[in-house]
Amino acid sequence: MNDYQNDIEKYLDGQMTEAERQQFEALLVQDAALKDALEQEQSARVLIREAGRLELKDTLEEVEQSMETSETESQAGSSFVMPLWMKRALPIAAMIIIFLGVFQYTQSGGISSAEVYDSYFESY
C-alpha cells in the first residue's frame, strides 16, 4: 500500500498524465487494497478540509465577538470619535492663537490701567 501512496496523491491532485491515470484506474479495478487506500485518502482529505473550515469558523466567531465587545465598550464611553486630522490640527491651532495673542500684546506696547480708564470711561 505504501508503494502506491505517491500514486494515490498524484491521482487525487490531478497531477497524472492521461496514460498514467488510465493505468492507475485499471489497477484500482484489480486491487481491492489499493481501492481501500484510495477511499481512506479521500476520506482523510475531506476530514482535514472540514476540520480546517471548523477551525476557521471558530476563529472568525472569536474575532466577531471581540469586535462586538470593543464596540459596546467604546459606545458606552463616548459616542464621538475624533478624526485623526482633527487631533493633529487642534494643538497647532491653539499654538497659533497663543502666538497671535502674544504678538498683539507685545506690538501694542502694553496699555496701562490709566490709559484704559481715560480712553474708555465717560463721565455723565
PDB file of N, CA and C in Angstrom:
ATOM      1  N   MET A   1       0.829  -1.198   0.000  1.00  0.00           N
ATOM      2  CA  MET A   1       0.000   0.000   0.000  1.00  0.00           C
ATOM      3  C   MET A   1       0.868   1.255   0.000  1.00  0.00           C
ATOM      4  N   ASN A   2       1.988   1.254   0.752  1.00  0.00           N
ATOM      5  CA  ASN A   2       2.858   2.427   0.795  1.00  0.00           C
ATOM      6  C   ASN A   2       3.491   2.695  -0.562  1.00  0.00           C
ATOM      7  N   ASP A   3       3.630   1.614  -1.388  1.00  0.00           N
ATOM      8  CA  ASP A   3       4.204   1.797  -2.714  1.00  0.00           C
ATOM      9  C   ASP A   3       3.300   2.664  -3.574  1.00  0.00           C
ATOM     10  N   TYR A   4       2.018   2.636  -3.295  1.00  0.00           N
ATOM     11  CA  TYR A   4       1.051   3.361  -4.107  1.00  0.00           C
ATOM     12  C   TYR A   4       0.671   4.733  -3.521  1.00  0.00           C
ATOM     13  N   GLN A   5       1.225   5.092  -2.383  1.00  0.00           N
ATOM     14  CA  GLN A   5       0.832   6.340  -1.725  1.00  0.00           C
ATOM     15  C   GLN A   5       1.096   7.552  -2.622  1.00  0.00           C
ATOM     16  N   ASN A   6       2.259   7.589  -3.238  1.00  0.00           N
ATOM     17  CA  ASN A   6       2.574   8.718  -4.136  1.00  0.00           C
ATOM     18  C   ASN A   6       1.629   8.734  -5.326  1.00  0.00           C
ATOM     19  N   ASP A   7       1.311   7.543  -5.856  1.00  0.00           N
ATOM     20  CA  ASP A   7       0.391   7.474  -6.993  1.00  0.00           C
ATOM     21  C   ASP A   7      -1.003   7.936  -6.594  1.00  0.00           C
ATOM     22  N   ILE A   8      -1.433   7.552  -5.385  1.00  0.00           N
ATOM     23  CA  ILE A   8      -2.753   7.978  -4.898  1.00  0.00           C
ATOM     24  C   ILE A   8      -2.805   9.501  -4.786  1.00  0.00           C
ATOM     25  N   GLU A   9      -1.762  10.092  -4.217  1.00  0.00           N
ATOM     26  CA  GLU A   9      -1.724  11.549  -4.061  1.00  0.00           C
ATOM     27  C   GLU A   9      -1.706  12.251  -5.419  1.00  0.00           C
ATOM     28  N   LYS A  10      -0.916  11.757  -6.344  1.00  0.00           N
ATOM     29  CA  LYS A  10      -0.883  12.353  -7.687  1.00  0.00           C
ATOM     30  C   LYS A  10      -2.237  12.206  -8.375  1.00  0.00           C
ATOM     31  N   TYR A  11      -2.899  11.067  -8.176  1.00  0.00           N
ATOM     32  CA  TYR A  11      -4.208  10.833  -8.787  1.00  0.00           C
ATOM     33  C   TYR A  11      -5.243  11.810  -8.233  1.00  0.00           C
ATOM     34  N   LEU A  12      -5.268  11.982  -6.913  1.00  0.00           N
ATOM     35  CA  LEU A  12      -6.243  12.880  -6.290  1.00  0.00           C
ATOM     36  C   LEU A  12      -5.944  14.348  -6.593  1.00  0.00           C
ATOM     37  N   ASP A  13      -4.680  14.672  -6.750  1.00  0.00           N
ATOM     38  CA  ASP A  13      -4.302  16.060  -7.052  1.00  0.00           C
ATOM     39  C   ASP A  13      -4.406  16.378  -8.537  1.00  0.00           C
ATOM     40  N   GLY A  14      -4.660  15.371  -9.358  1.00  0.00           N
ATOM     41  CA  GLY A  14      -4.774  15.587 -10.800  1.00  0.00           C
ATOM     42  C   GLY A  14      -3.445  15.839 -11.473  1.00  0.00           C
ATOM     43  N   GLN A  15      -2.381  15.263 -10.957  1.00  0.00           N
ATOM     44  CA  GLN A  15      -1.041  15.505 -11.488  1.00  0.00           C
ATOM     45  C   GLN A  15      -0.556  14.373 -12.397  1.00  0.00           C
ATOM     46  N   MET A  16      -1.417  13.408 -12.702  1.00  0.00           N
ATOM     47  CA  MET A  16      -1.027  12.298 -13.568  1.00  0.00           C
ATOM     48  C   MET A  16      -1.318  12.645 -15.025  1.00  0.00           C
ATOM     49  N   THR A  17      -0.527  12.066 -15.892  1.00  0.00           N
ATOM     50  CA  THR A  17      -0.822  12.197 -17.315  1.00  0.00           C
ATOM     51  C   THR A  17      -2.010  11.298 -17.631  1.00  0.00           C
ATOM     52  N   GLU A  18      -2.540  11.436 -18.810  1.00  0.00           N
ATOM     53  CA  GLU A  18      -3.710  10.640 -19.201  1.00  0.00           C
ATOM     54  C   GLU A  18      -3.395   9.145 -19.176  1.00  0.00           C
ATOM     55  N   ALA A  19      -2.222   8.774 -19.651  1.00  0.00           N
ATOM     56  CA  ALA A  19      -1.834   7.353 -19.680  1.00  0.00           C
ATOM     57  C   ALA A  19      -1.661   6.810 -18.257  1.00  0.00           C
ATOM     58  N   GLU A  20      -1.009   7.608 -17.394  1.00  0.00           N
ATOM     59  CA  GLU A  20      -0.825   7.169 -16.005  1.00  0.00           C
ATOM     60  C   GLU A  20      -2.160   7.036 -15.301  1.00  0.00           C
ATOM     61  N   ARG A  21      -3.071   7.949 -15.566  1.00  0.00           N
ATOM     62  CA  ARG A  21      -4.384   7.901 -14.924  1.00  0.00           C
ATOM     63  C   ARG A  21      -5.158   6.650 -15.354  1.00  0.00           C
ATOM     64  N   GLN A  22      -5.135   6.343 -16.636  1.00  0.00           N
ATOM     65  CA  GLN A  22      -5.838   5.151 -17.126  1.00  0.00           C
ATOM     66  C   GLN A  22      -5.238   3.880 -16.544  1.00  0.00           C
ATOM     67  N   GLN A  23      -3.916   3.844 -16.450  1.00  0.00           N
ATOM     68  CA  GLN A  23      -3.247   2.675 -15.875  1.00  0.00           C
ATOM     69  C   GLN A  23      -3.600   2.531 -14.392  1.00  0.00           C
ATOM     70  N   PHE A  24      -3.638   3.665 -13.668  1.00  0.00           N
ATOM     71  CA  PHE A  24      -3.969   3.625 -12.249  1.00  0.00           C
ATOM     72  C   PHE A  24      -5.413   3.182 -12.039  1.00  0.00           C
ATOM     73  N   GLU A  25      -6.333   3.671 -12.852  1.00  0.00           N
ATOM     74  CA  GLU A  25      -7.736   3.275 -12.729  1.00  0.00           C
ATOM     75  C   GLU A  25      -7.930   1.797 -13.052  1.00  0.00           C
ATOM     76  N   ALA A  26      -7.171   1.280 -13.993  1.00  0.00           N
ATOM     77  CA  ALA A  26      -7.234  -0.157 -14.293  1.00  0.00           C
ATOM     78  C   ALA A  26      -6.726  -0.961 -13.105  1.00  0.00           C
ATOM     79  N   LEU A  27      -5.681  -0.461 -12.457  1.00  0.00           N
ATOM     80  CA  LEU A  27      -5.137  -1.124 -11.275  1.00  0.00           C
ATOM     81  C   LEU A  27      -6.116  -1.071 -10.112  1.00  0.00           C
ATOM     82  N   LEU A  28      -6.884   0.013 -10.021  1.00  0.00           N
ATOM     83  CA  LEU A  28      -7.898   0.145  -8.962  1.00  0.00           C
ATOM     84  C   LEU A  28      -8.960  -0.952  -9.079  1.00  0.00           C
ATOM     85  N   VAL A  29      -9.341  -1.279 -10.294  1.00  0.00           N
ATOM     86  CA  VAL A  29     -10.362  -2.304 -10.512  1.00  0.00           C
ATOM     87  C   VAL A  29      -9.837  -3.667 -10.061  1.00  0.00           C
ATOM     88  N   GLN A  30      -8.548  -3.923 -10.251  1.00  0.00           N
ATOM     89  CA  GLN A  30      -7.967  -5.225  -9.940  1.00  0.00           C
ATOM     90  C   GLN A  30      -7.596  -5.378  -8.472  1.00  0.00           C
ATOM     91  N   ASP A  31      -7.115  -4.286  -7.828  1.00  0.00           N
ATOM     92  CA  ASP A  31      -6.553  -4.390  -6.480  1.00  0.00           C
ATOM     93  C   ASP A  31      -7.504  -3.754  -5.462  1.00  0.00           C
ATOM     94  N   ALA A  32      -8.117  -4.580  -4.624  1.00  0.00           N
ATOM     95  CA  ALA A  32      -9.061  -4.095  -3.623  1.00  0.00           C
ATOM     96  C   ALA A  32      -8.354  -3.283  -2.534  1.00  0.00           C
ATOM     97  N   ALA A  33      -7.127  -3.655  -2.181  1.00  0.00           N
ATOM     98  CA  ALA A  33      -6.371  -2.935  -1.152  1.00  0.00           C
ATOM     99  C   ALA A  33      -6.059  -1.518  -1.623  1.00  0.00           C
ATOM    100  N   LEU A  34      -5.731  -1.384  -2.885  1.00  0.00           N
ATOM    101  CA  LEU A  34      -5.462  -0.056  -3.448  1.00  0.00           C
ATOM    102  C   LEU A  34      -6.723   0.789  -3.453  1.00  0.00           C
ATOM    103  N   LYS A  35      -7.839   0.155  -3.782  1.00  0.00           N
ATOM    104  CA  LYS A  35      -9.109   0.874  -3.777  1.00  0.00           C
ATOM    105  C   LYS A  35      -9.466   1.342  -2.372  1.00  0.00           C
ATOM    106  N   ASP A  36      -9.232   0.509  -1.359  1.00  0.00           N
ATOM    107  CA  ASP A  36      -9.473   0.902   0.034  1.00  0.00           C
ATOM    108  C   ASP A  36      -8.547   2.047   0.452  1.00  0.00           C
ATOM    109  N   ALA A  37      -7.281   1.963   0.026  1.00  0.00           N
ATOM    110  CA  ALA A  37      -6.327   3.026   0.372  1.00  0.00           C
ATOM    111  C   ALA A  37      -6.753   4.351  -0.268  1.00  0.00           C
ATOM    112  N   LEU A  38      -7.247   4.284  -1.497  1.00  0.00           N
ATOM    113  CA  LEU A  38      -7.727   5.491  -2.171  1.00  0.00           C
ATOM    114  C   LEU A  38      -8.927   6.082  -1.435  1.00  0.00           C
ATOM    115  N   GLU A  39      -9.852   5.247  -1.029  1.00  0.00           N
ATOM    116  CA  GLU A  39     -11.026   5.725  -0.289  1.00  0.00           C
ATOM    117  C   GLU A  39     -10.637   6.319   1.056  1.00  0.00           C
ATOM    118  N   GLN A  40      -9.663   5.695   1.726  1.00  0.00           N
ATOM    119  CA  GLN A  40      -9.188   6.233   3.004  1.00  0.00           C
ATOM    120  C   GLN A  40      -8.534   7.605   2.807  1.00  0.00           C
ATOM    121  N   GLU A  41      -7.741   7.738   1.751  1.00  0.00           N
ATOM    122  CA  GLU A  41      -7.092   9.026   1.478  1.00  0.00           C
ATOM    123  C   GLU A  41      -8.126  10.098   1.162  1.00  0.00           C
ATOM    124  N   GLN A  42      -9.155   9.737   0.392  1.00  0.00           N
ATOM    125  CA  GLN A  42     -10.219  10.691   0.079  1.00  0.00           C
ATOM    126  C   GLN A  42     -10.961  11.102   1.351  1.00  0.00           C
ATOM    127  N   SER A  43     -11.251  10.136   2.217  1.00  0.00           N
ATOM    128  CA  SER A  43     -11.932  10.437   3.482  1.00  0.00           C
ATOM    129  C   SER A  43     -11.071  11.321   4.371  1.00  0.00           C
ATOM    130  N   ALA A  44      -9.759  11.030   4.408  1.00  0.00           N
ATOM    131  CA  ALA A  44      -8.844  11.838   5.229  1.00  0.00           C
ATOM    132  C   ALA A  44      -8.802  13.282   4.723  1.00  0.00           C
ATOM    133  N   ARG A  45      -8.776  13.450   3.412  1.00  0.00           N
ATOM    134  CA  ARG A  45      -8.749  14.801   2.849  1.00  0.00           C
ATOM    135  C   ARG A  45     -10.036  15.566   3.160  1.00  0.00           C
ATOM    136  N   VAL A  46     -11.163  14.869   3.074  1.00  0.00           N
ATOM    137  CA  VAL A  46     -12.444  15.511   3.406  1.00  0.00           C
ATOM    138  C   VAL A  46     -12.443  15.920   4.877  1.00  0.00           C
ATOM    139  N   LEU A  47     -11.955  15.013   5.747  1.00  0.00           N
ATOM    140  CA  LEU A  47     -11.910  15.294   7.183  1.00  0.00           C
ATOM    141  C   LEU A  47     -10.999  16.484   7.486  1.00  0.00           C
ATOM    142  N   ILE A  48      -9.847  16.519   6.856  1.00  0.00           N
ATOM    143  CA  ILE A  48      -8.901  17.632   7.077  1.00  0.00           C
ATOM    144  C   ILE A  48      -9.504  18.947   6.590  1.00  0.00           C
ATOM    145  N   ARG A  49     -10.145  18.908   5.429  1.00  0.00           N
ATOM    146  CA  ARG A  49     -10.761  20.121   4.880  1.00  0.00           C
ATOM    147  C   ARG A  49     -11.867  20.623   5.816  1.00  0.00           C
ATOM    148  N   GLU A  50     -12.691  19.690   6.317  1.00  0.00           N
ATOM    149  CA  GLU A  50     -13.788  20.078   7.210  1.00  0.00           C
ATOM    150  C   GLU A  50     -13.255  20.604   8.543  1.00  0.00           C
ATOM    151  N   ALA A  51     -12.194  19.967   9.055  1.00  0.00           N
ATOM    152  CA  ALA A  51     -11.594  20.447  10.306  1.00  0.00           C
ATOM    153  C   ALA A  51     -11.029  21.851  10.129  1.00  0.00           C
ATOM    154  N   GLY A  52     -10.424  22.105   8.972  1.00  0.00           N
ATOM    155  CA  GLY A  52      -9.907  23.441   8.698  1.00  0.00           C
ATOM    156  C   GLY A  52     -11.017  24.470   8.635  1.00  0.00           C
ATOM    157  N   ARG A  53     -12.134  24.091   8.033  1.00  0.00           N
ATOM    158  CA  ARG A  53     -13.268  25.011   7.955  1.00  0.00           C
ATOM    159  C   ARG A  53     -13.825  25.313   9.342  1.00  0.00           C
ATOM    160  N   LEU A  54     -13.934  24.275  10.160  1.00  0.00           N
ATOM    161  CA  LEU A  54     -14.463  24.487  11.513  1.00  0.00           C
ATOM    162  C   LEU A  54     -13.529  25.363  12.340  1.00  0.00           C
ATOM    163  N   GLU A  55     -12.229  25.149  12.180  1.00  0.00           N
ATOM    164  CA  GLU A  55     -11.259  25.970  12.913  1.00  0.00           C
ATOM    165  C   GLU A  55     -11.339  27.421  12.456  1.00  0.00           C
ATOM    166  N   LEU A  56     -11.453  27.630  11.148  1.00  0.00           N
ATOM    167  CA  LEU A  56     -11.584  28.990  10.624  1.00  0.00           C
ATOM    168  C   LEU A  56     -12.873  29.630  11.108  1.00  0.00           C
ATOM    169  N   LYS A  57     -13.946  28.862  11.137  1.00  0.00           N
ATOM    170  CA  LYS A  57     -15.230  29.384  11.616  1.00  0.00           C
ATOM    171  C   LYS A  57     -15.119  29.814  13.072  1.00  0.00           C
ATOM    172  N   ASP A  58     -14.487  28.979  13.905  1.00  0.00           N
ATOM    173  CA  ASP A  58     -14.311  29.332  15.317  1.00  0.00           C
ATOM    174  C   ASP A  58     -13.480  30.602  15.470  1.00  0.00           C
ATOM    175  N   THR A  59     -12.422  30.704  14.677  1.00  0.00           N
ATOM    176  CA  THR A  59     -11.568  31.895  14.739  1.00  0.00           C
ATOM    177  C   THR A  59     -12.341  33.146  14.343  1.00  0.00           C
ATOM    178  N   LEU A  60     -13.125  33.047  13.282  1.00  0.00           N
ATOM    179  CA  LEU A  60     -13.910  34.205  12.838  1.00  0.00           C
ATOM    180  C   LEU A  60     -14.973  34.590  13.867  1.00  0.00           C
ATOM    181  N   GLU A  61     -15.581  33.602  14.510  1.00  0.00           N
ATOM    182  CA  GLU A  61     -16.569  33.900  15.551  1.00  0.00           C
ATOM    183  C   GLU A  61     -15.917  34.604  16.739  1.00  0.00           C
ATOM    184  N   GLU A  62     -14.707  34.168  17.108  1.00  0.00           N
ATOM    185  CA  GLU A  62     -13.989  34.830  18.209  1.00  0.00           C
ATOM    186  C   GLU A  62     -13.665  36.278  17.852  1.00  0.00           C
ATOM    187  N   VAL A  63     -13.228  36.513  16.628  1.00  0.00           N
ATOM    188  CA  VAL A  63     -12.911  37.877  16.186  1.00  0.00           C
ATOM    189  C   VAL A  63     -14.167  38.737  16.196  1.00  0.00           C
ATOM    190  N   GLU A  64     -15.265  38.166  15.714  1.00  0.00           N
ATOM    191  CA  GLU A  64     -16.522  38.909  15.690  1.00  0.00           C
ATOM    192  C   GLU A  64     -16.979  39.267  17.102  1.00  0.00           C
ATOM    193  N   GLN A  65     -16.858  38.317  18.034  1.00  0.00           N
ATOM    194  CA  GLN A  65     -17.245  38.594  19.415  1.00  0.00           C
ATOM    195  C   GLN A  65     -16.355  39.656  20.034  1.00  0.00           C
ATOM    196  N   SER A  66     -15.057  39.604  19.755  1.00  0.00           N
ATOM    197  CA  SER A  66     -14.165  40.621  20.323  1.00  0.00           C
ATOM    198  C   SER A  66     -14.456  41.994  19.728  1.00  0.00           C
ATOM    199  N   MET A  67     -14.834  42.037  18.449  1.00  0.00           N
ATOM    200  CA  MET A  67     -15.186  43.317  17.838  1.00  0.00           C
ATOM    201  C   MET A  67     -16.475  43.864  18.431  1.00  0.00           C
ATOM    202  N   GLU A  68     -17.472  42.998  18.670  1.00  0.00           N
ATOM    203  CA  GLU A  68     -18.714  43.450  19.279  1.00  0.00           C
ATOM    204  C   GLU A  68     -18.473  43.959  20.690  1.00  0.00           C
ATOM    205  N   THR A  69     -17.607  43.276  21.426  1.00  0.00           N
ATOM    206  CA  THR A  69     -17.286  43.693  22.790  1.00  0.00           C
ATOM    207  C   THR A  69     -16.602  45.049  22.786  1.00  0.00           C
ATOM    208  N   SER A  70     -15.638  45.234  21.884  1.00  0.00           N
ATOM    209  CA  SER A  70     -14.932  46.516  21.847  1.00  0.00           C
ATOM    210  C   SER A  70     -15.853  47.637  21.374  1.00  0.00           C
ATOM    211  N   GLU A  71     -16.799  47.336  20.475  1.00  0.00           N
ATOM    212  CA  GLU A  71     -17.749  48.359  20.026  1.00  0.00           C
ATOM    213  C   GLU A  71     -18.668  48.788  21.155  1.00  0.00           C
ATOM    214  N   THR A  72     -19.161  47.836  21.929  1.00  0.00           N
ATOM    215  CA  THR A  72     -20.048  48.208  23.036  1.00  0.00           C
ATOM    216  C   THR A  72     -19.296  48.972  24.099  1.00  0.00           C
ATOM    217  N   GLU A  73     -18.037  48.614  24.339  1.00  0.00           N
ATOM    218  CA  GLU A  73     -17.243  49.349  25.328  1.00  0.00           C
ATOM    219  C   GLU A  73     -16.970  50.770  24.850  1.00  0.00           C
ATOM    220  N   SER A  74     -16.671  50.929  23.574  1.00  0.00           N
ATOM    221  CA  SER A  74     -16.389  52.271  23.073  1.00  0.00           C
ATOM    222  C   SER A  74     -17.652  53.114  23.016  1.00  0.00           C
ATOM    223  N   GLN A  75     -18.801  52.506  22.730  1.00  0.00           N
ATOM    224  CA  GLN A  75     -20.052  53.255  22.705  1.00  0.00           C
ATOM    225  C   GLN A  75     -20.479  53.647  24.109  1.00  0.00           C
ATOM    226  N   ALA A  76     -20.155  52.834  25.089  1.00  0.00           N
ATOM    227  CA  ALA A  76     -20.506  53.171  26.462  1.00  0.00           C
ATOM    228  C   ALA A  76     -19.691  54.360  26.948  1.00  0.00           C
ATOM    229  N   GLY A  77     -18.433  54.462  26.509  1.00  0.00           N
ATOM    230  CA  GLY A  77     -17.565  55.550  26.943  1.00  0.00           C
ATOM    231  C   GLY A  77     -17.934  56.869  26.310  1.00  0.00           C
ATOM    232  N   SER A  78     -17.997  56.920  25.018  1.00  0.00           N
ATOM    233  CA  SER A  78     -18.354  58.147  24.313  1.00  0.00           C
ATOM    234  C   SER A  78     -18.875  57.775  22.933  1.00  0.00           C
ATOM    235  N   SER A  79     -19.719  58.635  22.415  1.00  0.00           N
ATOM    236  CA  SER A  79     -20.300  58.347  21.113  1.00  0.00           C
ATOM    237  C   SER A  79     -19.585  59.104  20.001  1.00  0.00           C
ATOM    238  N   PHE A  80     -18.631  59.964  20.339  1.00  0.00           N
ATOM    239  CA  PHE A  80     -17.933  60.761  19.341  1.00  0.00           C
ATOM    240  C   PHE A  80     -16.495  60.288  19.221  1.00  0.00           C
ATOM    241  N   VAL A  81     -16.091  59.976  18.023  1.00  0.00           N
ATOM    242  CA  VAL A  81     -14.708  59.607  17.746  1.00  0.00           C
ATOM    243  C   VAL A  81     -14.108  60.736  16.931  1.00  0.00           C
ATOM    244  N   MET A  82     -13.073  61.351  17.477  1.00  0.00           N
ATOM    245  CA  MET A  82     -12.438  62.486  16.818  1.00  0.00           C
ATOM    246  C   MET A  82     -11.526  61.980  15.712  1.00  0.00           C
ATOM    247  N   PRO A  83     -11.676  62.513  14.508  1.00  0.00           N
ATOM    248  CA  PRO A  83     -10.806  62.092  13.410  1.00  0.00           C
ATOM    249  C   PRO A  83      -9.349  62.441  13.699  1.00  0.00           C
ATOM    250  N   LEU A  84      -8.453  61.697  13.102  1.00  0.00           N
ATOM    251  CA  LEU A  84      -7.031  61.881  13.339  1.00  0.00           C
ATOM    252  C   LEU A  84      -6.549  63.258  12.904  1.00  0.00           C
ATOM    253  N   TRP A  85      -7.046  63.756  11.771  1.00  0.00           N
ATOM    254  CA  TRP A  85      -6.585  65.066  11.311  1.00  0.00           C
ATOM    255  C   TRP A  85      -6.964  66.146  12.312  1.00  0.00           C
ATOM    256  N   MET A  86      -8.116  65.978  12.982  1.00  0.00           N
ATOM    257  CA  MET A  86      -8.548  66.976  13.963  1.00  0.00           C
ATOM    258  C   MET A  86      -7.665  66.904  15.211  1.00  0.00           C
ATOM    259  N   LYS A  87      -7.278  65.689  15.601  1.00  0.00           N
ATOM    260  CA  LYS A  87      -6.396  65.546  16.759  1.00  0.00           C
ATOM    261  C   LYS A  87      -5.050  66.214  16.510  1.00  0.00           C
ATOM    262  N   ARG A  88      -4.609  66.190  15.272  1.00  0.00           N
ATOM    263  CA  ARG A  88      -3.324  66.812  14.948  1.00  0.00           C
ATOM    264  C   ARG A  88      -3.456  68.312  14.731  1.00  0.00           C
ATOM    265  N   ALA A  89      -4.604  68.778  14.257  1.00  0.00           N
ATOM    266  CA  ALA A  89      -4.779  70.195  13.933  1.00  0.00           C
ATOM    267  C   ALA A  89      -5.077  71.047  15.165  1.00  0.00           C
ATOM    268  N   LEU A  90      -5.763  70.495  16.164  1.00  0.00           N
ATOM    269  CA  LEU A  90      -6.134  71.291  17.336  1.00  0.00           C
ATOM    270  C   LEU A  90      -4.941  71.860  18.094  1.00  0.00           C
ATOM    271  N   PRO A  91      -3.899  71.106  18.406  1.00  0.00           N
ATOM    272  CA  PRO A  91      -2.755  71.712  19.097  1.00  0.00           C
ATOM    273  C   PRO A  91      -2.070  72.796  18.267  1.00  0.00           C
ATOM    274  N   ILE A  92      -2.011  72.588  16.961  1.00  0.00           N
ATOM    275  CA  ILE A  92      -1.380  73.597  16.097  1.00  0.00           C
ATOM    276  C   ILE A  92      -2.209  74.878  16.097  1.00  0.00           C
ATOM    277  N   ALA A  93      -3.536  74.747  16.005  1.00  0.00           N
ATOM    278  CA  ALA A  93      -4.406  75.929  16.037  1.00  0.00           C
ATOM    279  C   ALA A  93      -4.283  76.658  17.370  1.00  0.00           C
ATOM    280  N   ALA A  94      -4.208  75.928  18.472  1.00  0.00           N
ATOM    281  CA  ALA A  94      -4.071  76.557  19.787  1.00  0.00           C
ATOM    282  C   ALA A  94      -2.746  77.325  19.877  1.00  0.00           C
ATOM    283  N   MET A  95      -1.677  76.738  19.345  1.00  0.00           N
ATOM    284  CA  MET A  95      -0.385  77.429  19.392  1.00  0.00           C
ATOM    285  C   MET A  95      -0.419  78.702  18.541  1.00  0.00           C
ATOM    286  N   ILE A  96      -1.070  78.664  17.397  1.00  0.00           N
ATOM    287  CA  ILE A  96      -1.166  79.852  16.548  1.00  0.00           C
ATOM    288  C   ILE A  96      -1.940  80.953  17.257  1.00  0.00           C
ATOM    289  N   ILE A  97      -3.027  80.599  17.911  1.00  0.00           N
ATOM    290  CA  ILE A  97      -3.825  81.601  18.638  1.00  0.00           C
ATOM    291  C   ILE A  97      -3.021  82.213  19.773  1.00  0.00           C
ATOM    292  N   ILE A  98      -2.286  81.408  20.492  1.00  0.00           N
ATOM    293  CA  ILE A  98      -1.459  81.926  21.601  1.00  0.00           C
ATOM    294  C   ILE A  98      -0.376  82.851  21.056  1.00  0.00           C
ATOM    295  N   PHE A  99       0.292  82.447  19.986  1.00  0.00           N
ATOM    296  CA  PHE A  99       1.337  83.286  19.416  1.00  0.00           C
ATOM    297  C   PHE A  99       0.775  84.604  18.896  1.00  0.00           C
ATOM    298  N   LEU A 100      -0.392  84.580  18.267  1.00  0.00           N
ATOM    299  CA  LEU A 100      -1.005  85.818  17.803  1.00  0.00           C
ATOM    300  C   LEU A 100      -1.369  86.729  18.977  1.00  0.00           C
ATOM    301  N   GLY A 101      -1.855  86.150  20.051  1.00  0.00           N
ATOM    302  CA  GLY A 101      -2.183  86.951  21.240  1.00  0.00           C
ATOM    303  C   GLY A 101      -0.947  87.595  21.842  1.00  0.00           C
ATOM    304  N   VAL A 102       0.128  86.824  21.953  1.00  0.00           N
ATOM    305  CA  VAL A 102       1.374  87.361  22.500  1.00  0.00           C
ATOM    306  C   VAL A 102       1.931  88.438  21.566  1.00  0.00           C
ATOM    307  N   PHE A 103       1.886  88.204  20.254  1.00  0.00           N
ATOM    308  CA  PHE A 103       2.364  89.175  19.292  1.00  0.00           C
ATOM    309  C   PHE A 103       1.567  90.477  19.401  1.00  0.00           C
ATOM    310  N   GLN A 104       0.246  90.360  19.464  1.00  0.00           N
ATOM    311  CA  GLN A 104      -0.602  91.547  19.560  1.00  0.00           C
ATOM    312  C   GLN A 104      -0.293  92.326  20.842  1.00  0.00           C
ATOM    313  N   TYR A 105      -0.080  91.601  21.928  1.00  0.00           N
ATOM    314  CA  TYR A 105       0.201  92.270  23.207  1.00  0.00           C
ATOM    315  C   TYR A 105       1.543  92.995  23.152  1.00  0.00           C
ATOM    316  N   THR A 106       2.550  92.363  22.577  1.00  0.00           N
ATOM    317  CA  THR A 106       3.871  92.994  22.537  1.00  0.00           C
ATOM    318  C   THR A 106       3.912  94.158  21.551  1.00  0.00           C
ATOM    319  N   GLN A 107       3.157  94.103  20.463  1.00  0.00           N
ATOM    320  CA  GLN A 107       3.159  95.172  19.486  1.00  0.00           C
ATOM    321  C   GLN A 107       2.390  96.401  19.972  1.00  0.00           C
ATOM    322  N   SER A 108       1.414  96.171  20.786  1.00  0.00           N
ATOM    323  CA  SER A 108       0.644  97.323  21.272  1.00  0.00           C
ATOM    324  C   SER A 108       1.406  98.082  22.343  1.00  0.00           C
ATOM    325  N   GLY A 109       2.469  97.510  22.845  1.00  0.00           N
ATOM    326  CA  GLY A 109       3.288  98.197  23.837  1.00  0.00           C
ATOM    327  C   GLY A 109       2.692  98.079  25.225  1.00  0.00           C
ATOM    328  N   GLY A 110       1.618  97.416  25.378  1.00  0.00           N
ATOM    329  CA  GLY A 110       1.015  97.262  26.684  1.00  0.00           C
ATOM    330  C   GLY A 110       0.275  98.522  27.070  1.00  0.00           C
ATOM    331  N   ILE A 111      -0.899  98.418  27.537  1.00  0.00           N
ATOM    332  CA  ILE A 111      -1.709  99.566  27.916  1.00  0.00           C
ATOM    333  C   ILE A 111      -1.839  99.545  29.432  1.00  0.00           C
ATOM    334  N   SER A 112      -1.595 100.687  30.027  1.00  0.00           N
ATOM    335  CA  SER A 112      -1.729 100.768  31.484  1.00  0.00           C
ATOM    336  C   SER A 112      -3.203 100.922  31.840  1.00  0.00           C
ATOM    337  N   SER A 113      -3.518 100.700  33.074  1.00  0.00           N
ATOM    338  CA  SER A 113      -4.908 100.812  33.506  1.00  0.00           C
ATOM    339  C   SER A 113      -5.393 102.257  33.423  1.00  0.00           C
ATOM    340  N   ALA A 114      -4.513 103.209  33.601  1.00  0.00           N
ATOM    341  CA  ALA A 114      -4.896 104.617  33.497  1.00  0.00           C
ATOM    342  C   ALA A 114      -5.259 104.971  32.060  1.00  0.00           C
ATOM    343  N   GLU A 115      -4.513 104.433  31.099  1.00  0.00           N
ATOM    344  CA  GLU A 115      -4.829 104.697  29.698  1.00  0.00           C
ATOM    345  C   GLU A 115      -6.157 104.067  29.308  1.00  0.00           C
ATOM    346  N   VAL A 116      -6.412 102.866  29.813  1.00  0.00           N
ATOM    347  CA  VAL A 116      -7.698 102.215  29.539  1.00  0.00           C
ATOM    348  C   VAL A 116      -8.819 103.041  30.131  1.00  0.00           C
ATOM    349  N   TYR A 117      -8.644 103.557  31.361  1.00  0.00           N
ATOM    350  CA  TYR A 117      -9.662 104.369  32.022  1.00  0.00           C
ATOM    351  C   TYR A 117      -9.926 105.642  31.237  1.00  0.00           C
ATOM    352  N   ASP A 118      -8.854 106.273  30.773  1.00  0.00           N
ATOM    353  CA  ASP A 118      -9.019 107.530  30.031  1.00  0.00           C
ATOM    354  C   ASP A 118      -9.696 107.319  28.677  1.00  0.00           C
ATOM    355  N   SER A 119      -9.371 106.247  28.011  1.00  0.00           N
ATOM    356  CA  SER A 119      -9.906 106.071  26.652  1.00  0.00           C
ATOM    357  C   SER A 119     -11.305 105.480  26.643  1.00  0.00           C
ATOM    358  N   TYR A 120     -11.690 104.705  27.646  1.00  0.00           N
ATOM    359  CA  TYR A 120     -12.990 104.044  27.584  1.00  0.00           C
ATOM    360  C   TYR A 120     -14.019 104.558  28.612  1.00  0.00           C
ATOM    361  N   PHE A 121     -13.608 105.373  29.567  1.00  0.00           N
ATOM    362  CA  PHE A 121     -14.573 105.828  30.575  1.00  0.00           C
ATOM    363  C   PHE A 121     -15.092 107.211  30.220  1.00  0.00           C
ATOM    364  N   GLU A 122     -16.395 107.345  30.252  1.00  0.00           N
ATOM    365  CA  GLU A 122     -17.002 108.647  30.023  1.00  0.00           C
ATOM    366  C   GLU A 122     -17.767 109.036  31.294  1.00  0.00           C
ATOM    367  N   SER A 123     -17.590 110.231  31.694  1.00  0.00           N
ATOM    368  CA  SER A 123     -18.336 110.682  32.854  1.00  0.00           C
ATOM    369  C   SER A 123     -19.630 111.302  32.411  1.00  0.00           C
ATOM    370  N   TYR A 124     -20.664 111.106  33.170  1.00  0.00           N
ATOM    371  CA  TYR A 124     -22.001 111.620  32.808  1.00  0.00           C
ATOM    372  C   TYR A 124     -22.393 112.769  33.662  1.00  0.00           C
TER     373      TYR A 124
END
